[in-house]
Amino acid sequence: LVQPGGSLRLSCAASRITFSTYTMGWYRQVPGKQREL
């Protein structure tokens, strides 16, 4: 939870893949809507 104007840092730790060969991404989704890039 953060106030408007604030900051957050998300991290994603990957395992069991050759990480360097993948395009990595972040997507988001709200209820009732499609997941978006």
Full PDB file with SEQRES, HELIX, SHEET, SSBOND, CRYST1, ORIGX, SCALE, CONECT and MASTER records, all heavy atoms in Angstrom:
SEQRES   1 A   37  LEU VAL GLN PRO GLY GLY SER LEU ARG LEU SER CYS ALA          
SEQRES   2 A   37  ALA SER ARG ILE THR PHE SER THR TYR THR MET GLY TRP          
SEQRES   3 A   37  TYR ARG GLN VAL PRO GLY LYS GLN ARG GLU LEU                  
HELIX    1 AA1 PHE A   19  THR A   21  5                                   3    
CRYST1    1.000    1.000    1.000  90.00  90.00  90.00 P 1           1          
ORIGX1      1.000000  0.000000  0.000000        0.00000                         
ORIGX2      0.000000  1.000000  0.000000        0.00000                         
ORIGX3      0.000000  0.000000  1.000000        0.00000                         
SCALE1      1.000000  0.000000  0.000000        0.00000                         
SCALE2      0.000000  1.000000  0.000000        0.00000                         
SCALE3      0.000000  0.000000  1.000000        0.00000                         
ATOM      1  N   LEU A   1       0.842  -1.189   0.000  1.00  0.00           N  
ATOM      2  CA  LEU A   1       0.000   0.000   0.000  1.00  0.00           C  
ATOM      3  C   LEU A   1       0.879   1.242   0.000  1.00  0.00           C  
ATOM      4  O   LEU A   1       1.829   1.338   0.799  1.00  0.00           O  
ATOM      5  CB  LEU A   1      -0.890  -0.009   1.249  1.00  0.00           C  
ATOM      6  CG  LEU A   1      -1.761   1.225   1.498  1.00  0.00           C  
ATOM      7  CD1 LEU A   1      -2.790   1.379   0.391  1.00  0.00           C  
ATOM      8  CD2 LEU A   1      -2.427   1.118   2.861  1.00  0.00           C  
ATOM      9  N   VAL A   2       0.581   2.172  -0.879  1.00  0.00           N  
ATOM     10  CA  VAL A   2       1.377   3.396  -0.977  1.00  0.00           C  
ATOM     11  C   VAL A   2       0.449   4.557  -1.288  1.00  0.00           C  
ATOM     12  O   VAL A   2      -0.601   4.377  -1.928  1.00  0.00           O  
ATOM     13  CB  VAL A   2       2.468   3.239  -2.055  1.00  0.00           C  
ATOM     14  CG1 VAL A   2       1.862   3.045  -3.440  1.00  0.00           C  
ATOM     15  CG2 VAL A   2       3.440   4.404  -2.039  1.00  0.00           C  
ATOM     16  N   GLN A   3       0.815   5.731  -0.837  1.00  0.00           N  
ATOM     17  CA  GLN A   3       0.025   6.930  -1.118  1.00  0.00           C  
ATOM     18  C   GLN A   3       0.308   7.433  -2.529  1.00  0.00           C  
ATOM     19  O   GLN A   3       1.392   7.176  -3.078  1.00  0.00           O  
ATOM     20  CB  GLN A   3       0.350   8.018  -0.103  1.00  0.00           C  
ATOM     21  CG  GLN A   3      -0.130   7.699   1.313  1.00  0.00           C  
ATOM     22  CD  GLN A   3       0.076   8.864   2.265  1.00  0.00           C  
ATOM     23  OE1 GLN A   3       0.890   9.751   2.009  1.00  0.00           O  
ATOM     24  NE2 GLN A   3      -0.667   8.865   3.355  1.00  0.00           N  
ATOM     25  N   PRO A   4      -0.620   8.164  -3.101  1.00  0.00           N  
ATOM     26  CA  PRO A   4      -0.361   8.775  -4.410  1.00  0.00           C  
ATOM     27  C   PRO A   4       0.900   9.620  -4.360  1.00  0.00           C  
ATOM     28  O   PRO A   4       1.148  10.335  -3.386  1.00  0.00           O  
ATOM     29  CB  PRO A   4      -1.594   9.634  -4.651  1.00  0.00           C  
ATOM     30  CG  PRO A   4      -2.662   8.993  -3.850  1.00  0.00           C  
ATOM     31  CD  PRO A   4      -1.991   8.448  -2.620  1.00  0.00           C  
ATOM     32  N   GLY A   5       1.697   9.511  -5.414  1.00  0.00           N  
ATOM     33  CA  GLY A   5       2.965  10.213  -5.466  1.00  0.00           C  
ATOM     34  C   GLY A   5       4.127   9.437  -4.888  1.00  0.00           C  
ATOM     35  O   GLY A   5       5.289   9.840  -5.043  1.00  0.00           O  
ATOM     36  N   GLY A   6       3.827   8.345  -4.222  1.00  0.00           N  
ATOM     37  CA  GLY A   6       4.868   7.538  -3.610  1.00  0.00           C  
ATOM     38  C   GLY A   6       5.548   6.588  -4.575  1.00  0.00           C  
ATOM     39  O   GLY A   6       5.262   6.595  -5.788  1.00  0.00           O  
ATOM     40  N   SER A   7       6.429   5.769  -4.025  1.00  0.00           N  
ATOM     41  CA  SER A   7       7.219   4.842  -4.835  1.00  0.00           C  
ATOM     42  C   SER A   7       7.172   3.435  -4.248  1.00  0.00           C  
ATOM     43  O   SER A   7       7.012   3.264  -3.034  1.00  0.00           O  
ATOM     44  CB  SER A   7       8.680   5.301  -4.897  1.00  0.00           C  
ATOM     45  OG  SER A   7       8.799   6.565  -5.516  1.00  0.00           O  
ATOM     46  N   LEU A   8       7.312   2.477  -5.131  1.00  0.00           N  
ATOM     47  CA  LEU A   8       7.487   1.080  -4.743  1.00  0.00           C  
ATOM     48  C   LEU A   8       8.454   0.447  -5.725  1.00  0.00           C  
ATOM     49  O   LEU A   8       8.545   0.868  -6.880  1.00  0.00           O  
ATOM     50  CB  LEU A   8       6.163   0.306  -4.801  1.00  0.00           C  
ATOM     51  CG  LEU A   8       5.171   0.427  -3.648  1.00  0.00           C  
ATOM     52  CD1 LEU A   8       3.906  -0.363  -3.988  1.00  0.00           C  
ATOM     53  CD2 LEU A   8       5.761  -0.060  -2.349  1.00  0.00           C  
ATOM     54  N   ARG A   9       9.118  -0.583  -5.247  1.00  0.00           N  
ATOM     55  CA  ARG A   9       9.993  -1.356  -6.121  1.00  0.00           C  
ATOM     56  C   ARG A   9       9.584  -2.813  -6.068  1.00  0.00           C  
ATOM     57  O   ARG A   9       9.611  -3.435  -4.999  1.00  0.00           O  
ATOM     58  CB  ARG A   9      11.465  -1.202  -5.702  1.00  0.00           C  
ATOM     59  CG  ARG A   9      12.440  -1.888  -6.658  1.00  0.00           C  
ATOM     60  CD  ARG A   9      13.877  -1.618  -6.245  1.00  0.00           C  
ATOM     61  NE  ARG A   9      14.850  -2.235  -7.125  1.00  0.00           N  
ATOM     62  CZ  ARG A   9      15.298  -1.670  -8.242  1.00  0.00           C  
ATOM     63  NH1 ARG A   9      14.855  -0.472  -8.602  1.00  0.00           N  
ATOM     64  NH2 ARG A   9      16.194  -2.297  -8.998  1.00  0.00           N  
ATOM     65  N   LEU A  10       9.180  -3.336  -7.198  1.00  0.00           N  
ATOM     66  CA  LEU A  10       8.828  -4.744  -7.313  1.00  0.00           C  
ATOM     67  C   LEU A  10      10.041  -5.539  -7.796  1.00  0.00           C  
ATOM     68  O   LEU A  10      10.825  -5.046  -8.614  1.00  0.00           O  
ATOM     69  CB  LEU A  10       7.682  -4.948  -8.297  1.00  0.00           C  
ATOM     70  CG  LEU A  10       6.408  -4.155  -8.041  1.00  0.00           C  
ATOM     71  CD1 LEU A  10       5.349  -4.525  -9.092  1.00  0.00           C  
ATOM     72  CD2 LEU A  10       5.882  -4.378  -6.649  1.00  0.00           C  
ATOM     73  N   SER A  11      10.153  -6.748  -7.284  1.00  0.00           N  
ATOM     74  CA  SER A  11      11.208  -7.648  -7.748  1.00  0.00           C  
ATOM     75  C   SER A  11      10.601  -9.002  -8.097  1.00  0.00           C  
ATOM     76  O   SER A  11       9.584  -9.397  -7.530  1.00  0.00           O  
ATOM     77  CB  SER A  11      12.278  -7.837  -6.669  1.00  0.00           C  
ATOM     78  OG  SER A  11      12.978  -6.633  -6.440  1.00  0.00           O  
ATOM     79  N   CYS A  12      11.237  -9.673  -9.021  1.00  0.00           N  
ATOM     80  CA  CYS A  12      10.806 -11.002  -9.436  1.00  0.00           C  
ATOM     81  C   CYS A  12      12.040 -11.878  -9.537  1.00  0.00           C  
ATOM     82  O   CYS A  12      12.939 -11.593 -10.338  1.00  0.00           O  
ATOM     83  CB  CYS A  12      10.082 -10.938 -10.763  1.00  0.00           C  
ATOM     84  SG  CYS A  12       9.716 -12.540 -11.503  1.00  0.00           S  
ATOM     85  N   ALA A  13      12.058 -12.901  -8.720  1.00  0.00           N  
ATOM     86  CA  ALA A  13      13.176 -13.847  -8.722  1.00  0.00           C  
ATOM     87  C   ALA A  13      12.783 -15.074  -9.525  1.00  0.00           C  
ATOM     88  O   ALA A  13      11.757 -15.704  -9.250  1.00  0.00           O  
ATOM     89  CB  ALA A  13      13.539 -14.231  -7.304  1.00  0.00           C  
ATOM     90  N   ALA A  14      13.601 -15.398 -10.506  1.00  0.00           N  
ATOM     91  CA  ALA A  14      13.320 -16.536 -11.376  1.00  0.00           C  
ATOM     92  C   ALA A  14      14.238 -17.699 -11.045  1.00  0.00           C  
ATOM     93  O   ALA A  14      15.410 -17.502 -10.704  1.00  0.00           O  
ATOM     94  CB  ALA A  14      13.515 -16.132 -12.836  1.00  0.00           C  
ATOM     95  N   SER A  15      13.684 -18.884 -11.148  1.00  0.00           N  
ATOM     96  CA  SER A  15      14.498 -20.080 -10.930  1.00  0.00           C  
ATOM     97  C   SER A  15      14.100 -21.161 -11.931  1.00  0.00           C  
ATOM     98  O   SER A  15      12.981 -21.181 -12.439  1.00  0.00           O  
ATOM     99  CB  SER A  15      14.347 -20.602  -9.502  1.00  0.00           C  
ATOM    100  OG  SER A  15      13.007 -20.894  -9.206  1.00  0.00           O  
ATOM    101  N   ARG A  16      15.056 -22.018 -12.199  1.00  0.00           N  
ATOM    102  CA  ARG A  16      14.861 -23.157 -13.102  1.00  0.00           C  
ATOM    103  C   ARG A  16      14.605 -22.716 -14.542  1.00  0.00           C  
ATOM    104  O   ARG A  16      13.914 -23.420 -15.288  1.00  0.00           O  
ATOM    105  CB  ARG A  16      13.767 -24.098 -12.600  1.00  0.00           C  
ATOM    106  CG  ARG A  16      14.058 -24.640 -11.205  1.00  0.00           C  
ATOM    107  CD  ARG A  16      13.055 -25.687 -10.795  1.00  0.00           C  
ATOM    108  NE  ARG A  16      13.290 -26.177  -9.449  1.00  0.00           N  
ATOM    109  CZ  ARG A  16      12.706 -25.670  -8.368  1.00  0.00           C  
ATOM    110  NH1 ARG A  16      11.849 -24.674  -8.488  1.00  0.00           N  
ATOM    111  NH2 ARG A  16      12.964 -26.164  -7.175  1.00  0.00           N  
ATOM    112  N   ILE A  17      15.107 -21.573 -14.926  1.00  0.00           N  
ATOM    113  CA  ILE A  17      15.113 -21.163 -16.327  1.00  0.00           C  
ATOM    114  C   ILE A  17      16.479 -20.572 -16.652  1.00  0.00           C  
ATOM    115  O   ILE A  17      17.195 -20.148 -15.741  1.00  0.00           O  
ATOM    116  CB  ILE A  17      14.024 -20.124 -16.681  1.00  0.00           C  
ATOM    117  CG1 ILE A  17      14.217 -18.818 -15.898  1.00  0.00           C  
ATOM    118  CG2 ILE A  17      12.640 -20.692 -16.465  1.00  0.00           C  
ATOM    119  CD1 ILE A  17      13.299 -17.693 -16.381  1.00  0.00           C  
ATOM    120  N   THR A  18      16.804 -20.569 -17.933  1.00  0.00           N  
ATOM    121  CA  THR A  18      18.014 -19.889 -18.381  1.00  0.00           C  
ATOM    122  C   THR A  18      17.642 -18.426 -18.533  1.00  0.00           C  
ATOM    123  O   THR A  18      17.304 -17.958 -19.616  1.00  0.00           O  
ATOM    124  CB  THR A  18      18.511 -20.497 -19.698  1.00  0.00           C  
ATOM    125  OG1 THR A  18      18.635 -21.923 -19.554  1.00  0.00           O  
ATOM    126  CG2 THR A  18      19.891 -19.931 -20.048  1.00  0.00           C  
ATOM    127  N   PHE A  19      17.688 -17.725 -17.422  1.00  0.00           N  
ATOM    128  CA  PHE A  19      17.122 -16.387 -17.295  1.00  0.00           C  
ATOM    129  C   PHE A  19      17.584 -15.451 -18.400  1.00  0.00           C  
ATOM    130  O   PHE A  19      16.777 -14.707 -18.958  1.00  0.00           O  
ATOM    131  CB  PHE A  19      17.508 -15.833 -15.926  1.00  0.00           C  
ATOM    132  CG  PHE A  19      16.954 -14.484 -15.611  1.00  0.00           C  
ATOM    133  CD1 PHE A  19      15.660 -14.341 -15.130  1.00  0.00           C  
ATOM    134  CD2 PHE A  19      17.728 -13.342 -15.768  1.00  0.00           C  
ATOM    135  CE1 PHE A  19      15.146 -13.096 -14.812  1.00  0.00           C  
ATOM    136  CE2 PHE A  19      17.219 -12.096 -15.468  1.00  0.00           C  
ATOM    137  CZ  PHE A  19      15.933 -11.969 -14.987  1.00  0.00           C  
ATOM    138  N   SER A  20      18.847 -15.484 -18.719  1.00  0.00           N  
ATOM    139  CA  SER A  20      19.416 -14.514 -19.657  1.00  0.00           C  
ATOM    140  C   SER A  20      18.866 -14.660 -21.074  1.00  0.00           C  
ATOM    141  O   SER A  20      19.050 -13.776 -21.900  1.00  0.00           O  
ATOM    142  CB  SER A  20      20.931 -14.620 -19.675  1.00  0.00           C  
ATOM    143  OG  SER A  20      21.331 -15.904 -20.123  1.00  0.00           O  
ATOM    144  N   THR A  21      18.189 -15.751 -21.360  1.00  0.00           N  
ATOM    145  CA  THR A  21      17.673 -15.974 -22.714  1.00  0.00           C  
ATOM    146  C   THR A  21      16.221 -15.542 -22.873  1.00  0.00           C  
ATOM    147  O   THR A  21      15.669 -15.644 -23.972  1.00  0.00           O  
ATOM    148  CB  THR A  21      17.792 -17.453 -23.119  1.00  0.00           C  
ATOM    149  OG1 THR A  21      16.909 -18.245 -22.303  1.00  0.00           O  
ATOM    150  CG2 THR A  21      19.218 -17.950 -22.976  1.00  0.00           C  
ATOM    151  N   TYR A  22      15.621 -15.065 -21.793  1.00  0.00           N  
ATOM    152  CA  TYR A  22      14.202 -14.698 -21.812  1.00  0.00           C  
ATOM    153  C   TYR A  22      14.005 -13.193 -21.836  1.00  0.00           C  
ATOM    154  O   TYR A  22      14.766 -12.452 -21.194  1.00  0.00           O  
ATOM    155  CB  TYR A  22      13.491 -15.242 -20.577  1.00  0.00           C  
ATOM    156  CG  TYR A  22      13.190 -16.716 -20.649  1.00  0.00           C  
ATOM    157  CD1 TYR A  22      14.194 -17.655 -20.428  1.00  0.00           C  
ATOM    158  CD2 TYR A  22      11.909 -17.170 -20.934  1.00  0.00           C  
ATOM    159  CE1 TYR A  22      13.924 -19.008 -20.502  1.00  0.00           C  
ATOM    160  CE2 TYR A  22      11.630 -18.521 -21.003  1.00  0.00           C  
ATOM    161  CZ  TYR A  22      12.640 -19.434 -20.781  1.00  0.00           C  
ATOM    162  OH  TYR A  22      12.368 -20.771 -20.850  1.00  0.00           O  
ATOM    163  N   THR A  23      12.967 -12.756 -22.546  1.00  0.00           N  
ATOM    164  CA  THR A  23      12.445 -11.414 -22.358  1.00  0.00           C  
ATOM    165  C   THR A  23      11.619 -11.438 -21.084  1.00  0.00           C  
ATOM    166  O   THR A  23      10.728 -12.285 -20.932  1.00  0.00           O  
ATOM    167  CB  THR A  23      11.580 -10.985 -23.546  1.00  0.00           C  
ATOM    168  OG1 THR A  23      12.412 -10.763 -24.682  1.00  0.00           O  
ATOM    169  CG2 THR A  23      10.815  -9.701 -23.240  1.00  0.00           C  
ATOM    170  N   MET A  24      11.923 -10.531 -20.184  1.00  0.00           N  
ATOM    171  CA  MET A  24      11.202 -10.455 -18.915  1.00  0.00           C  
ATOM    172  C   MET A  24      10.244  -9.276 -18.948  1.00  0.00           C  
ATOM    173  O   MET A  24      10.517  -8.247 -19.589  1.00  0.00           O  
ATOM    174  CB  MET A  24      12.184 -10.303 -17.755  1.00  0.00           C  
ATOM    175  CG  MET A  24      13.191 -11.431 -17.642  1.00  0.00           C  
ATOM    176  SD  MET A  24      12.408 -13.040 -17.424  1.00  0.00           S  
ATOM    177  CE  MET A  24      11.603 -12.815 -15.832  1.00  0.00           C  
ATOM    178  N   GLY A  25       9.145  -9.436 -18.254  1.00  0.00           N  
ATOM    179  CA  GLY A  25       8.167  -8.362 -18.292  1.00  0.00           C  
ATOM    180  C   GLY A  25       7.351  -8.248 -17.025  1.00  0.00           C  
ATOM    181  O   GLY A  25       7.342  -9.155 -16.182  1.00  0.00           O  
ATOM    182  N   TRP A  26       6.706  -7.121 -16.923  1.00  0.00           N  
ATOM    183  CA  TRP A  26       5.721  -6.869 -15.883  1.00  0.00           C  
ATOM    184  C   TRP A  26       4.401  -6.511 -16.545  1.00  0.00           C  
ATOM    185  O   TRP A  26       4.359  -5.704 -17.462  1.00  0.00           O  
ATOM    186  CB  TRP A  26       6.163  -5.728 -14.964  1.00  0.00           C  
ATOM    187  CG  TRP A  26       7.296  -6.079 -14.063  1.00  0.00           C  
ATOM    188  CD1 TRP A  26       8.624  -5.849 -14.287  1.00  0.00           C  
ATOM    189  CD2 TRP A  26       7.203  -6.739 -12.803  1.00  0.00           C  
ATOM    190  NE1 TRP A  26       9.371  -6.341 -13.246  1.00  0.00           N  
ATOM    191  CE2 TRP A  26       8.519  -6.880 -12.307  1.00  0.00           C  
ATOM    192  CE3 TRP A  26       6.151  -7.232 -12.033  1.00  0.00           C  
ATOM    193  CZ2 TRP A  26       8.804  -7.482 -11.079  1.00  0.00           C  
ATOM    194  CZ3 TRP A  26       6.425  -7.832 -10.824  1.00  0.00           C  
ATOM    195  CH2 TRP A  26       7.744  -7.953 -10.353  1.00  0.00           C  
ATOM    196  N   TYR A  27       3.355  -7.151 -16.061  1.00  0.00           N  
ATOM    197  CA  TYR A  27       2.001  -6.893 -16.515  1.00  0.00           C  
ATOM    198  C   TYR A  27       1.161  -6.614 -15.282  1.00  0.00           C  
ATOM    199  O   TYR A  27       1.563  -6.918 -14.156  1.00  0.00           O  
ATOM    200  CB  TYR A  27       1.442  -8.106 -17.276  1.00  0.00           C  
ATOM    201  CG  TYR A  27       2.132  -8.368 -18.590  1.00  0.00           C  
ATOM    202  CD1 TYR A  27       3.429  -8.889 -18.640  1.00  0.00           C  
ATOM    203  CD2 TYR A  27       1.496  -8.095 -19.802  1.00  0.00           C  
ATOM    204  CE1 TYR A  27       4.069  -9.114 -19.854  1.00  0.00           C  
ATOM    205  CE2 TYR A  27       2.124  -8.325 -21.018  1.00  0.00           C  
ATOM    206  CZ  TYR A  27       3.407  -8.834 -21.027  1.00  0.00           C  
ATOM    207  OH  TYR A  27       4.030  -9.055 -22.230  1.00  0.00           O  
ATOM    208  N   ARG A  28      -0.016  -6.042 -15.507  1.00  0.00           N  
ATOM    209  CA  ARG A  28      -0.904  -5.805 -14.369  1.00  0.00           C  
ATOM    210  C   ARG A  28      -2.350  -6.052 -14.768  1.00  0.00           C  
ATOM    211  O   ARG A  28      -2.705  -5.987 -15.946  1.00  0.00           O  
ATOM    212  CB  ARG A  28      -0.730  -4.388 -13.824  1.00  0.00           C  
ATOM    213  CG  ARG A  28      -1.141  -3.278 -14.764  1.00  0.00           C  
ATOM    214  CD  ARG A  28      -0.730  -1.918 -14.188  1.00  0.00           C  
ATOM    215  NE  ARG A  28      -1.129  -0.808 -15.066  1.00  0.00           N  
ATOM    216  CZ  ARG A  28      -0.774   0.462 -14.867  1.00  0.00           C  
ATOM    217  NH1 ARG A  28      -0.005   0.781 -13.831  1.00  0.00           N  
ATOM    218  NH2 ARG A  28      -1.189   1.395 -15.697  1.00  0.00           N  
ATOM    219  N   GLN A  29      -3.144  -6.313 -13.756  1.00  0.00           N  
ATOM    220  CA  GLN A  29      -4.548  -6.621 -14.003  1.00  0.00           C  
ATOM    221  C   GLN A  29      -5.403  -6.133 -12.836  1.00  0.00           C  
ATOM    222  O   GLN A  29      -5.029  -6.298 -11.673  1.00  0.00           O  
ATOM    223  CB  GLN A  29      -4.737  -8.127 -14.185  1.00  0.00           C  
ATOM    224  CG  GLN A  29      -6.110  -8.535 -14.653  1.00  0.00           C  
ATOM    225  CD  GLN A  29      -6.168 -10.003 -15.028  1.00  0.00           C  
ATOM    226  OE1 GLN A  29      -5.372 -10.816 -14.597  1.00  0.00           O  
ATOM    227  NE2 GLN A  29      -7.130 -10.352 -15.890  1.00  0.00           N  
ATOM    228  N   VAL A  30      -6.530  -5.531 -13.192  1.00  0.00           N  
ATOM    229  CA  VAL A  30      -7.539  -5.157 -12.203  1.00  0.00           C  
ATOM    230  C   VAL A  30      -8.771  -6.010 -12.454  1.00  0.00           C  
ATOM    231  O   VAL A  30      -9.003  -6.454 -13.582  1.00  0.00           O  
ATOM    232  CB  VAL A  30      -7.873  -3.659 -12.257  1.00  0.00           C  
ATOM    233  CG1 VAL A  30      -6.640  -2.832 -11.933  1.00  0.00           C  
ATOM    234  CG2 VAL A  30      -8.431  -3.265 -13.618  1.00  0.00           C  
ATOM    235  N   PRO A  31      -9.574  -6.219 -11.427  1.00  0.00           N  
ATOM    236  CA  PRO A  31     -10.758  -7.074 -11.597  1.00  0.00           C  
ATOM    237  C   PRO A  31     -11.655  -6.576 -12.725  1.00  0.00           C  
ATOM    238  O   PRO A  31     -11.921  -5.377 -12.841  1.00  0.00           O  
ATOM    239  CB  PRO A  31     -11.456  -6.965 -10.242  1.00  0.00           C  
ATOM    240  CG  PRO A  31     -10.360  -6.679  -9.282  1.00  0.00           C  
ATOM    241  CD  PRO A  31      -9.406  -5.791 -10.027  1.00  0.00           C  
ATOM    242  N   GLY A  32     -12.066  -7.502 -13.564  1.00  0.00           N  
ATOM    243  CA  GLY A  32     -12.975  -7.165 -14.642  1.00  0.00           C  
ATOM    244  C   GLY A  32     -12.311  -6.648 -15.895  1.00  0.00           C  
ATOM    245  O   GLY A  32     -12.985  -6.354 -16.887  1.00  0.00           O  
ATOM    246  N   LYS A  33     -10.987  -6.538 -15.871  1.00  0.00           N  
ATOM    247  CA  LYS A  33     -10.264  -6.041 -17.041  1.00  0.00           C  
ATOM    248  C   LYS A  33      -9.210  -7.048 -17.458  1.00  0.00           C  
ATOM    249  O   LYS A  33      -8.780  -7.894 -16.683  1.00  0.00           O  
ATOM    250  CB  LYS A  33      -9.628  -4.678 -16.744  1.00  0.00           C  
ATOM    251  CG  LYS A  33     -10.615  -3.558 -16.543  1.00  0.00           C  
ATOM    252  CD  LYS A  33      -9.902  -2.218 -16.496  1.00  0.00           C  
ATOM    253  CE  LYS A  33     -10.886  -1.068 -16.395  1.00  0.00           C  
ATOM    254  NZ  LYS A  33     -10.204   0.251 -16.392  1.00  0.00           N  
ATOM    255  N   GLN A  34      -8.776  -6.908 -18.715  1.00  0.00           N  
ATOM    256  CA  GLN A  34      -7.730  -7.783 -19.220  1.00  0.00           C  
ATOM    257  C   GLN A  34      -6.376  -7.406 -18.631  1.00  0.00           C  
ATOM    258  O   GLN A  34      -6.140  -6.242 -18.275  1.00  0.00           O  
ATOM    259  CB  GLN A  34      -7.667  -7.688 -20.747  1.00  0.00           C  
ATOM    260  CG  GLN A  34      -8.800  -8.395 -21.470  1.00  0.00           C  
ATOM    261  CD  GLN A  34      -8.561  -8.468 -22.969  1.00  0.00           C  
ATOM    262  OE1 GLN A  34      -7.922  -7.601 -23.547  1.00  0.00           O  
ATOM    263  NE2 GLN A  34      -9.070  -9.514 -23.599  1.00  0.00           N  
ATOM    264  N   ARG A  35      -5.525  -8.392 -18.556  1.00  0.00           N  
ATOM    265  CA  ARG A  35      -4.157  -8.131 -18.130  1.00  0.00           C  
ATOM    266  C   ARG A  35      -3.490  -7.241 -19.174  1.00  0.00           C  
ATOM    267  O   ARG A  35      -3.643  -7.459 -20.390  1.00  0.00           O  
ATOM    268  CB  ARG A  35      -3.391  -9.451 -17.988  1.00  0.00           C  
ATOM    269  CG  ARG A  35      -2.066  -9.354 -17.293  1.00  0.00           C  
ATOM    270  CD  ARG A  35      -1.513 -10.732 -17.008  1.00  0.00           C  
ATOM    271  NE  ARG A  35      -2.353 -11.483 -16.074  1.00  0.00           N  
ATOM    272  CZ  ARG A  35      -2.018 -12.660 -15.576  1.00  0.00           C  
ATOM    273  NH1 ARG A  35      -0.867 -13.227 -15.917  1.00  0.00           N  
ATOM    274  NH2 ARG A  35      -2.830 -13.292 -14.748  1.00  0.00           N  
ATOM    275  N   GLU A  36      -2.742  -6.243 -18.716  1.00  0.00           N  
ATOM    276  CA  GLU A  36      -2.106  -5.312 -19.649  1.00  0.00           C  
ATOM    277  C   GLU A  36      -0.617  -5.211 -19.407  1.00  0.00           C  
ATOM    278  O   GLU A  36      -0.119  -5.389 -18.283  1.00  0.00           O  
ATOM    279  CB  GLU A  36      -2.735  -3.914 -19.522  1.00  0.00           C  
ATOM    280  CG  GLU A  36      -2.514  -3.237 -18.200  1.00  0.00           C  
ATOM    281  CD  GLU A  36      -3.052  -1.806 -18.172  1.00  0.00           C  
ATOM    282  OE1 GLU A  36      -3.737  -1.389 -19.102  1.00  0.00           O  
ATOM    283  OE2 GLU A  36      -2.746  -1.106 -17.183  1.00  0.00           O  
ATOM    284  N   LEU A  37       0.075  -4.919 -20.496  1.00  0.00           N  
ATOM    285  CA  LEU A  37       1.519  -4.743 -20.429  1.00  0.00           C  
ATOM    286  C   LEU A  37       1.872  -3.505 -19.622  1.00  0.00           C  
ATOM    287  O   LEU A  37       1.244  -2.453 -19.778  1.00  0.00           O  
ATOM    288  CB  LEU A  37       2.075  -4.589 -21.843  1.00  0.00           C  
ATOM    289  CG  LEU A  37       3.509  -4.113 -21.970  1.00  0.00           C  
ATOM    290  CD1 LEU A  37       4.467  -5.236 -21.608  1.00  0.00           C  
ATOM    291  CD2 LEU A  37       3.792  -3.613 -23.387  1.00  0.00           C  
TER     292      LEU A  37                                                      
MASTER        0    0    0    1    0    0    0    6  291    1    0    3          
END                                                                             
